[in-house]
N, C-alpha and C. Protein backbone atom coordinates (compact mmCIF):
# COMPACT_ATOMS: atom_id res chain seq x y z
N MET A 1 0.85 -1.16 0.00
CA MET A 1 0.00 0.00 0.00
C MET A 1 0.91 1.23 0.00
N ASN A 2 0.71 2.11 -0.94
CA ASN A 2 1.56 3.28 -1.07
C ASN A 2 0.70 4.54 -0.93
N SER A 3 0.34 4.87 0.28
CA SER A 3 -0.50 6.03 0.55
C SER A 3 0.33 7.11 1.22
N MET A 4 0.36 8.28 0.61
CA MET A 4 1.14 9.38 1.16
C MET A 4 0.56 9.84 2.50
N ILE A 5 -0.75 9.84 2.62
CA ILE A 5 -1.39 10.27 3.86
C ILE A 5 -1.08 9.30 4.99
N LEU A 6 -1.18 8.00 4.72
CA LEU A 6 -0.88 7.00 5.75
C LEU A 6 0.60 7.04 6.12
N ARG A 7 1.46 7.24 5.15
CA ARG A 7 2.89 7.31 5.43
C ARG A 7 3.21 8.51 6.32
N ALA A 8 2.60 9.65 6.05
CA ALA A 8 2.85 10.86 6.83
C ALA A 8 2.28 10.76 8.25
N THR A 9 1.07 10.26 8.36
CA THR A 9 0.45 10.18 9.69
C THR A 9 1.03 9.05 10.53
N SER A 10 1.55 8.02 9.90
CA SER A 10 2.11 6.92 10.68
C SER A 10 3.35 7.35 11.43
N ARG A 11 4.05 8.35 10.92
CA ARG A 11 5.22 8.87 11.64
C ARG A 11 4.82 9.56 12.93
N LEU A 12 3.60 10.04 13.00
CA LEU A 12 3.09 10.67 14.21
C LEU A 12 2.42 9.65 15.13
N ILE A 13 1.78 8.68 14.53
CA ILE A 13 1.02 7.70 15.31
C ILE A 13 1.93 6.76 16.08
N LEU A 14 3.03 6.34 15.47
CA LEU A 14 3.91 5.36 16.12
C LEU A 14 4.45 5.86 17.47
N PRO A 15 5.07 7.03 17.56
CA PRO A 15 5.55 7.46 18.88
C PRO A 15 4.43 7.65 19.90
N ALA A 16 3.30 8.18 19.46
CA ALA A 16 2.17 8.37 20.37
C ALA A 16 1.66 7.03 20.89
N ALA A 17 1.56 6.05 20.00
CA ALA A 17 1.08 4.72 20.41
C ALA A 17 2.06 4.05 21.36
N LEU A 18 3.35 4.19 21.11
CA LEU A 18 4.33 3.56 22.00
C LEU A 18 4.33 4.21 23.38
N ILE A 19 4.24 5.52 23.42
CA ILE A 19 4.20 6.21 24.72
C ILE A 19 2.94 5.84 25.49
N PHE A 20 1.81 5.81 24.80
CA PHE A 20 0.56 5.45 25.47
C PHE A 20 0.57 3.98 25.91
N SER A 21 1.18 3.10 25.11
CA SER A 21 1.23 1.69 25.49
C SER A 21 2.08 1.49 26.74
N ILE A 22 3.16 2.24 26.87
CA ILE A 22 3.99 2.13 28.07
C ILE A 22 3.23 2.68 29.28
N TYR A 23 2.47 3.74 29.09
CA TYR A 23 1.64 4.27 30.17
C TYR A 23 0.63 3.22 30.64
N VAL A 24 -0.04 2.58 29.69
CA VAL A 24 -1.03 1.55 30.03
C VAL A 24 -0.35 0.36 30.70
N LEU A 25 0.83 0.00 30.23
CA LEU A 25 1.58 -1.10 30.83
C LEU A 25 1.92 -0.80 32.29
N LEU A 26 2.40 0.39 32.56
CA LEU A 26 2.86 0.73 33.90
C LEU A 26 1.73 0.92 34.90
N ARG A 27 0.57 1.33 34.46
CA ARG A 27 -0.53 1.51 35.41
C ARG A 27 -1.39 0.25 35.52
N GLY A 28 -1.06 -0.79 34.79
CA GLY A 28 -1.92 -1.97 34.67
C GLY A 28 -2.17 -2.74 35.94
N HIS A 29 -1.20 -2.81 36.86
CA HIS A 29 -1.46 -3.62 38.04
C HIS A 29 -2.21 -2.86 39.12
N ASN A 30 -2.43 -1.57 38.92
CA ASN A 30 -3.23 -0.78 39.85
C ASN A 30 -4.60 -0.42 39.31
N GLU A 31 -4.72 -0.28 38.02
CA GLU A 31 -5.96 0.10 37.36
C GLU A 31 -6.12 -0.77 36.12
N PRO A 32 -7.23 -0.65 35.40
CA PRO A 32 -7.38 -1.45 34.17
C PRO A 32 -6.27 -1.15 33.18
N GLY A 33 -5.79 -2.19 32.56
CA GLY A 33 -4.69 -2.09 31.62
C GLY A 33 -3.71 -3.20 31.91
N GLY A 34 -2.50 -3.03 31.50
CA GLY A 34 -1.48 -4.03 31.77
C GLY A 34 -0.76 -4.43 30.51
N GLY A 35 -0.09 -5.57 30.60
CA GLY A 35 0.75 -6.02 29.52
C GLY A 35 0.01 -6.35 28.24
N PHE A 36 -1.15 -6.97 28.35
CA PHE A 36 -1.87 -7.38 27.15
C PHE A 36 -2.38 -6.17 26.37
N ILE A 37 -3.07 -5.27 27.03
CA ILE A 37 -3.63 -4.11 26.35
C ILE A 37 -2.51 -3.19 25.88
N GLY A 38 -1.47 -3.00 26.70
CA GLY A 38 -0.33 -2.18 26.30
C GLY A 38 0.37 -2.76 25.08
N GLY A 39 0.52 -4.08 25.05
CA GLY A 39 1.12 -4.74 23.89
C GLY A 39 0.29 -4.58 22.63
N LEU A 40 -1.02 -4.66 22.77
CA LEU A 40 -1.89 -4.46 21.60
C LEU A 40 -1.79 -3.03 21.07
N ILE A 41 -1.71 -2.06 21.97
CA ILE A 41 -1.60 -0.67 21.53
C ILE A 41 -0.27 -0.44 20.81
N ALA A 42 0.82 -0.99 21.36
CA ALA A 42 2.13 -0.84 20.71
C ALA A 42 2.14 -1.55 19.36
N ALA A 43 1.58 -2.74 19.29
CA ALA A 43 1.55 -3.49 18.03
C ALA A 43 0.69 -2.78 17.00
N ALA A 44 -0.39 -2.13 17.43
CA ALA A 44 -1.22 -1.38 16.48
C ALA A 44 -0.45 -0.20 15.92
N GLY A 45 0.31 0.49 16.75
CA GLY A 45 1.13 1.60 16.26
C GLY A 45 2.19 1.12 15.29
N ILE A 46 2.82 0.00 15.60
CA ILE A 46 3.83 -0.56 14.69
C ILE A 46 3.18 -1.00 13.39
N ALA A 47 1.99 -1.58 13.46
CA ALA A 47 1.29 -2.02 12.25
C ALA A 47 0.93 -0.86 11.35
N VAL A 48 0.46 0.24 11.94
CA VAL A 48 0.12 1.42 11.14
C VAL A 48 1.37 1.98 10.48
N HIS A 49 2.49 1.92 11.19
CA HIS A 49 3.74 2.42 10.62
C HIS A 49 4.26 1.51 9.51
N ALA A 50 4.02 0.21 9.63
CA ALA A 50 4.56 -0.75 8.66
C ALA A 50 3.67 -0.92 7.42
N LEU A 51 2.40 -0.59 7.51
CA LEU A 51 1.49 -0.82 6.38
C LEU A 51 1.93 -0.12 5.09
N PRO A 52 2.28 1.17 5.11
CA PRO A 52 2.64 1.79 3.84
C PRO A 52 3.98 1.30 3.28
N GLY A 53 4.90 0.87 4.13
CA GLY A 53 6.22 0.45 3.66
C GLY A 53 6.37 -1.03 3.41
N GLY A 54 5.45 -1.83 3.91
CA GLY A 54 5.51 -3.27 3.72
C GLY A 54 6.49 -3.95 4.67
N ARG A 55 6.87 -5.15 4.31
CA ARG A 55 7.74 -5.97 5.15
C ARG A 55 9.11 -5.32 5.36
N VAL A 56 9.60 -4.61 4.36
CA VAL A 56 10.90 -3.95 4.48
C VAL A 56 10.86 -2.91 5.60
N SER A 57 9.81 -2.14 5.65
CA SER A 57 9.65 -1.13 6.70
C SER A 57 9.56 -1.78 8.08
N LEU A 58 8.87 -2.90 8.16
CA LEU A 58 8.72 -3.60 9.43
C LEU A 58 10.07 -4.14 9.91
N THR A 59 10.84 -4.74 9.03
CA THR A 59 12.13 -5.29 9.45
C THR A 59 13.12 -4.20 9.82
N GLN A 60 13.00 -3.02 9.23
CA GLN A 60 13.86 -1.91 9.62
C GLN A 60 13.45 -1.34 10.97
N LEU A 61 12.20 -1.46 11.32
CA LEU A 61 11.69 -0.88 12.56
C LEU A 61 12.01 -1.73 13.79
N ILE A 62 11.88 -3.04 13.67
CA ILE A 62 12.09 -3.92 14.82
C ILE A 62 13.55 -4.35 14.87
N PHE A 63 14.03 -4.64 16.06
CA PHE A 63 15.44 -4.97 16.25
C PHE A 63 15.73 -6.46 16.11
N ALA A 64 14.75 -7.30 16.33
CA ALA A 64 14.93 -8.75 16.27
C ALA A 64 13.71 -9.37 15.61
N SER A 65 13.76 -10.66 15.40
CA SER A 65 12.61 -11.33 14.79
C SER A 65 11.46 -11.36 15.79
N PRO A 66 10.23 -11.43 15.29
CA PRO A 66 9.08 -11.49 16.20
C PRO A 66 9.13 -12.69 17.14
N LYS A 67 9.70 -13.80 16.70
CA LYS A 67 9.80 -14.97 17.58
C LYS A 67 10.73 -14.71 18.75
N THR A 68 11.71 -13.85 18.56
CA THR A 68 12.60 -13.49 19.66
C THR A 68 11.83 -12.71 20.73
N TYR A 69 10.94 -11.82 20.30
CA TYR A 69 10.11 -11.08 21.26
C TYR A 69 9.21 -12.04 22.04
N ILE A 70 8.65 -13.01 21.34
CA ILE A 70 7.78 -13.98 22.02
C ILE A 70 8.58 -14.78 23.04
N GLY A 71 9.74 -15.27 22.63
CA GLY A 71 10.57 -16.06 23.54
C GLY A 71 11.05 -15.27 24.75
N ALA A 72 11.49 -14.04 24.51
CA ALA A 72 11.95 -13.21 25.62
C ALA A 72 10.81 -12.90 26.57
N GLY A 73 9.63 -12.63 26.03
CA GLY A 73 8.48 -12.35 26.87
C GLY A 73 8.08 -13.55 27.72
N LEU A 74 8.13 -14.74 27.14
CA LEU A 74 7.80 -15.94 27.90
C LEU A 74 8.80 -16.18 29.03
N VAL A 75 10.07 -15.98 28.73
CA VAL A 75 11.10 -16.18 29.76
C VAL A 75 10.91 -15.17 30.89
N ILE A 76 10.66 -13.91 30.55
CA ILE A 76 10.47 -12.88 31.57
C ILE A 76 9.22 -13.17 32.41
N ALA A 77 8.13 -13.54 31.76
CA ALA A 77 6.88 -13.82 32.50
C ALA A 77 7.05 -15.03 33.41
N LEU A 78 7.71 -16.07 32.93
CA LEU A 78 7.91 -17.25 33.77
C LEU A 78 8.90 -16.96 34.90
N ALA A 79 9.90 -16.14 34.63
CA ALA A 79 10.87 -15.80 35.68
C ALA A 79 10.27 -14.94 36.77
N SER A 80 9.18 -14.25 36.49
CA SER A 80 8.57 -13.40 37.52
C SER A 80 7.99 -14.21 38.67
N GLY A 81 7.79 -15.49 38.48
CA GLY A 81 7.27 -16.34 39.55
C GLY A 81 8.34 -16.94 40.43
N MET A 82 9.60 -16.81 40.04
CA MET A 82 10.68 -17.43 40.79
C MET A 82 10.89 -16.85 42.19
N PRO A 83 10.78 -15.54 42.41
CA PRO A 83 10.95 -15.04 43.78
C PRO A 83 9.98 -15.68 44.78
N ALA A 84 8.79 -15.99 44.35
CA ALA A 84 7.84 -16.64 45.26
C ALA A 84 8.33 -18.03 45.63
N LEU A 85 8.89 -18.75 44.67
CA LEU A 85 9.40 -20.08 44.98
C LEU A 85 10.58 -20.00 45.95
N TRP A 86 11.43 -18.98 45.79
CA TRP A 86 12.56 -18.82 46.70
C TRP A 86 12.11 -18.49 48.12
N LEU A 87 10.94 -17.87 48.25
CA LEU A 87 10.39 -17.53 49.56
C LEU A 87 9.40 -18.59 50.06
N VAL A 88 9.39 -19.75 49.42
CA VAL A 88 8.55 -20.90 49.78
C VAL A 88 7.08 -20.50 49.79
N GLN A 89 6.65 -19.89 48.69
CA GLN A 89 5.25 -19.54 48.48
C GLN A 89 4.83 -20.14 47.14
N PRO A 90 3.53 -20.21 46.87
CA PRO A 90 3.09 -20.74 45.58
C PRO A 90 3.65 -19.93 44.41
N TYR A 91 3.90 -20.65 43.30
CA TYR A 91 4.46 -20.03 42.10
C TYR A 91 3.55 -18.90 41.62
N LEU A 92 4.13 -17.80 41.18
CA LEU A 92 3.46 -16.58 40.71
C LEU A 92 2.71 -15.83 41.81
N THR A 93 3.02 -16.10 43.08
CA THR A 93 2.54 -15.23 44.14
C THR A 93 3.40 -13.99 44.06
N HIS A 94 2.81 -12.88 43.75
CA HIS A 94 3.60 -11.69 43.46
C HIS A 94 4.19 -11.09 44.73
N GLN A 95 5.40 -10.64 44.60
CA GLN A 95 6.16 -10.07 45.70
C GLN A 95 6.29 -8.57 45.51
N TRP A 96 6.22 -7.84 46.60
CA TRP A 96 6.32 -6.38 46.57
C TRP A 96 7.45 -5.97 47.49
N PRO A 97 8.69 -5.89 46.99
CA PRO A 97 9.81 -5.56 47.88
C PRO A 97 9.79 -4.12 48.38
N PHE A 98 9.16 -3.23 47.63
CA PHE A 98 9.09 -1.82 48.03
C PHE A 98 7.62 -1.50 48.28
N GLU A 99 7.24 -1.40 49.53
CA GLU A 99 5.84 -1.17 49.86
C GLU A 99 5.38 0.23 49.47
N ALA A 100 6.27 1.22 49.53
CA ALA A 100 5.87 2.60 49.28
C ALA A 100 5.57 2.86 47.81
N ILE A 101 6.27 2.19 46.91
CA ILE A 101 6.03 2.36 45.48
C ILE A 101 5.58 1.04 44.88
N ALA A 102 4.84 1.11 43.81
CA ALA A 102 4.23 -0.08 43.23
C ALA A 102 5.17 -0.78 42.26
N LEU A 103 6.31 -1.23 42.77
CA LEU A 103 7.22 -2.02 41.96
C LEU A 103 7.29 -3.42 42.54
N GLY A 104 7.00 -4.39 41.71
CA GLY A 104 7.04 -5.76 42.19
C GLY A 104 7.10 -6.72 41.03
N THR A 105 6.90 -7.98 41.34
CA THR A 105 6.98 -8.99 40.29
C THR A 105 5.78 -8.93 39.35
N THR A 106 4.72 -8.25 39.74
CA THR A 106 3.58 -8.08 38.85
C THR A 106 3.98 -7.31 37.61
N LEU A 107 4.77 -6.27 37.79
CA LEU A 107 5.24 -5.46 36.66
C LEU A 107 6.13 -6.29 35.75
N ILE A 108 6.96 -7.14 36.32
CA ILE A 108 7.83 -8.00 35.50
C ILE A 108 6.97 -8.95 34.67
N PHE A 109 5.94 -9.52 35.28
CA PHE A 109 5.03 -10.40 34.55
C PHE A 109 4.35 -9.65 33.41
N ASP A 110 3.89 -8.43 33.69
CA ASP A 110 3.22 -7.62 32.66
C ASP A 110 4.16 -7.28 31.51
N ILE A 111 5.42 -7.02 31.80
CA ILE A 111 6.39 -6.74 30.74
C ILE A 111 6.56 -7.97 29.85
N GLY A 112 6.58 -9.15 30.45
CA GLY A 112 6.66 -10.38 29.66
C GLY A 112 5.46 -10.56 28.76
N VAL A 113 4.27 -10.32 29.29
CA VAL A 113 3.06 -10.42 28.47
C VAL A 113 3.08 -9.38 27.36
N TYR A 114 3.54 -8.18 27.67
CA TYR A 114 3.67 -7.09 26.70
C TYR A 114 4.51 -7.54 25.50
N LEU A 115 5.66 -8.14 25.78
CA LEU A 115 6.55 -8.59 24.70
C LEU A 115 5.96 -9.75 23.91
N VAL A 116 5.26 -10.66 24.58
CA VAL A 116 4.64 -11.79 23.88
C VAL A 116 3.56 -11.29 22.91
N VAL A 117 2.75 -10.35 23.35
CA VAL A 117 1.68 -9.82 22.50
C VAL A 117 2.27 -9.08 21.31
N ILE A 118 3.27 -8.25 21.54
CA ILE A 118 3.91 -7.55 20.43
C ILE A 118 4.51 -8.54 19.44
N GLY A 119 5.20 -9.56 19.94
CA GLY A 119 5.80 -10.56 19.07
C GLY A 119 4.77 -11.33 18.27
N ALA A 120 3.64 -11.68 18.90
CA ALA A 120 2.61 -12.43 18.19
C ALA A 120 1.99 -11.61 17.06
N VAL A 121 1.68 -10.35 17.34
CA VAL A 121 1.09 -9.50 16.30
C VAL A 121 2.11 -9.22 15.20
N LEU A 122 3.36 -8.99 15.57
CA LEU A 122 4.39 -8.74 14.56
C LEU A 122 4.65 -9.96 13.69
N SER A 123 4.58 -11.14 14.26
CA SER A 123 4.79 -12.34 13.44
C SER A 123 3.64 -12.51 12.45
N PHE A 124 2.44 -12.16 12.85
CA PHE A 124 1.31 -12.18 11.93
C PHE A 124 1.52 -11.17 10.82
N LEU A 125 1.91 -9.96 11.18
CA LEU A 125 2.15 -8.91 10.18
C LEU A 125 3.29 -9.27 9.24
N PHE A 126 4.34 -9.85 9.79
CA PHE A 126 5.53 -10.16 9.01
C PHE A 126 5.20 -11.09 7.84
N TYR A 127 4.32 -12.04 8.07
CA TYR A 127 4.02 -13.01 7.03
C TYR A 127 2.95 -12.54 6.05
N TYR A 128 2.19 -11.51 6.42
CA TYR A 128 1.12 -11.07 5.53
C TYR A 128 1.35 -9.72 4.85
N LEU A 129 2.46 -9.07 5.19
CA LEU A 129 2.77 -7.82 4.48
C LEU A 129 3.47 -8.12 3.17
N GLU A 130 3.27 -7.23 2.22
CA GLU A 130 3.90 -7.39 0.92
C GLU A 130 5.37 -6.98 1.02
N GLU A 131 6.20 -7.57 0.16
CA GLU A 131 7.61 -7.21 0.17
C GLU A 131 7.89 -6.00 -0.63
C-alpha cells in the first residue's frame, strides 16, 4: 500500500502509540490495563507504521525477529514467579519488595506479556505484508 497520507500520519502515530502503550503497561497492576492491552496498543502503532512500507519497513523498525520477542516475553513472564518459589510460596505469588512504590513482580510479569503480545502481532504482520 503506497498512501502518502498514511505514510505521513504513521510517523506521528507510532511514537504516540508507543508512549501510550507504556503508560497503560505501567498503570496496569493498579488500574485497568497491563501487559496485554499495552502490547496491543504498541503493536497497532507498529502495524500502522509498517502498512505503507511493507515488510521492508517492518524489518527496519524492529530490532529482532518477532519470535525473539515472544521467547523473551515468555522467559520474563515465567521468571517473575521465581521469587515466590525462593520464599517458599506458591508459584506466581507476586512479591512487593518496596511497599511505598508499586514495583514488584507483577510489573515484571506484565512486561513479559507485553513482549509476547507484540511478538505475536508482529509475526502475523511479518508473514502477511507485501515485500
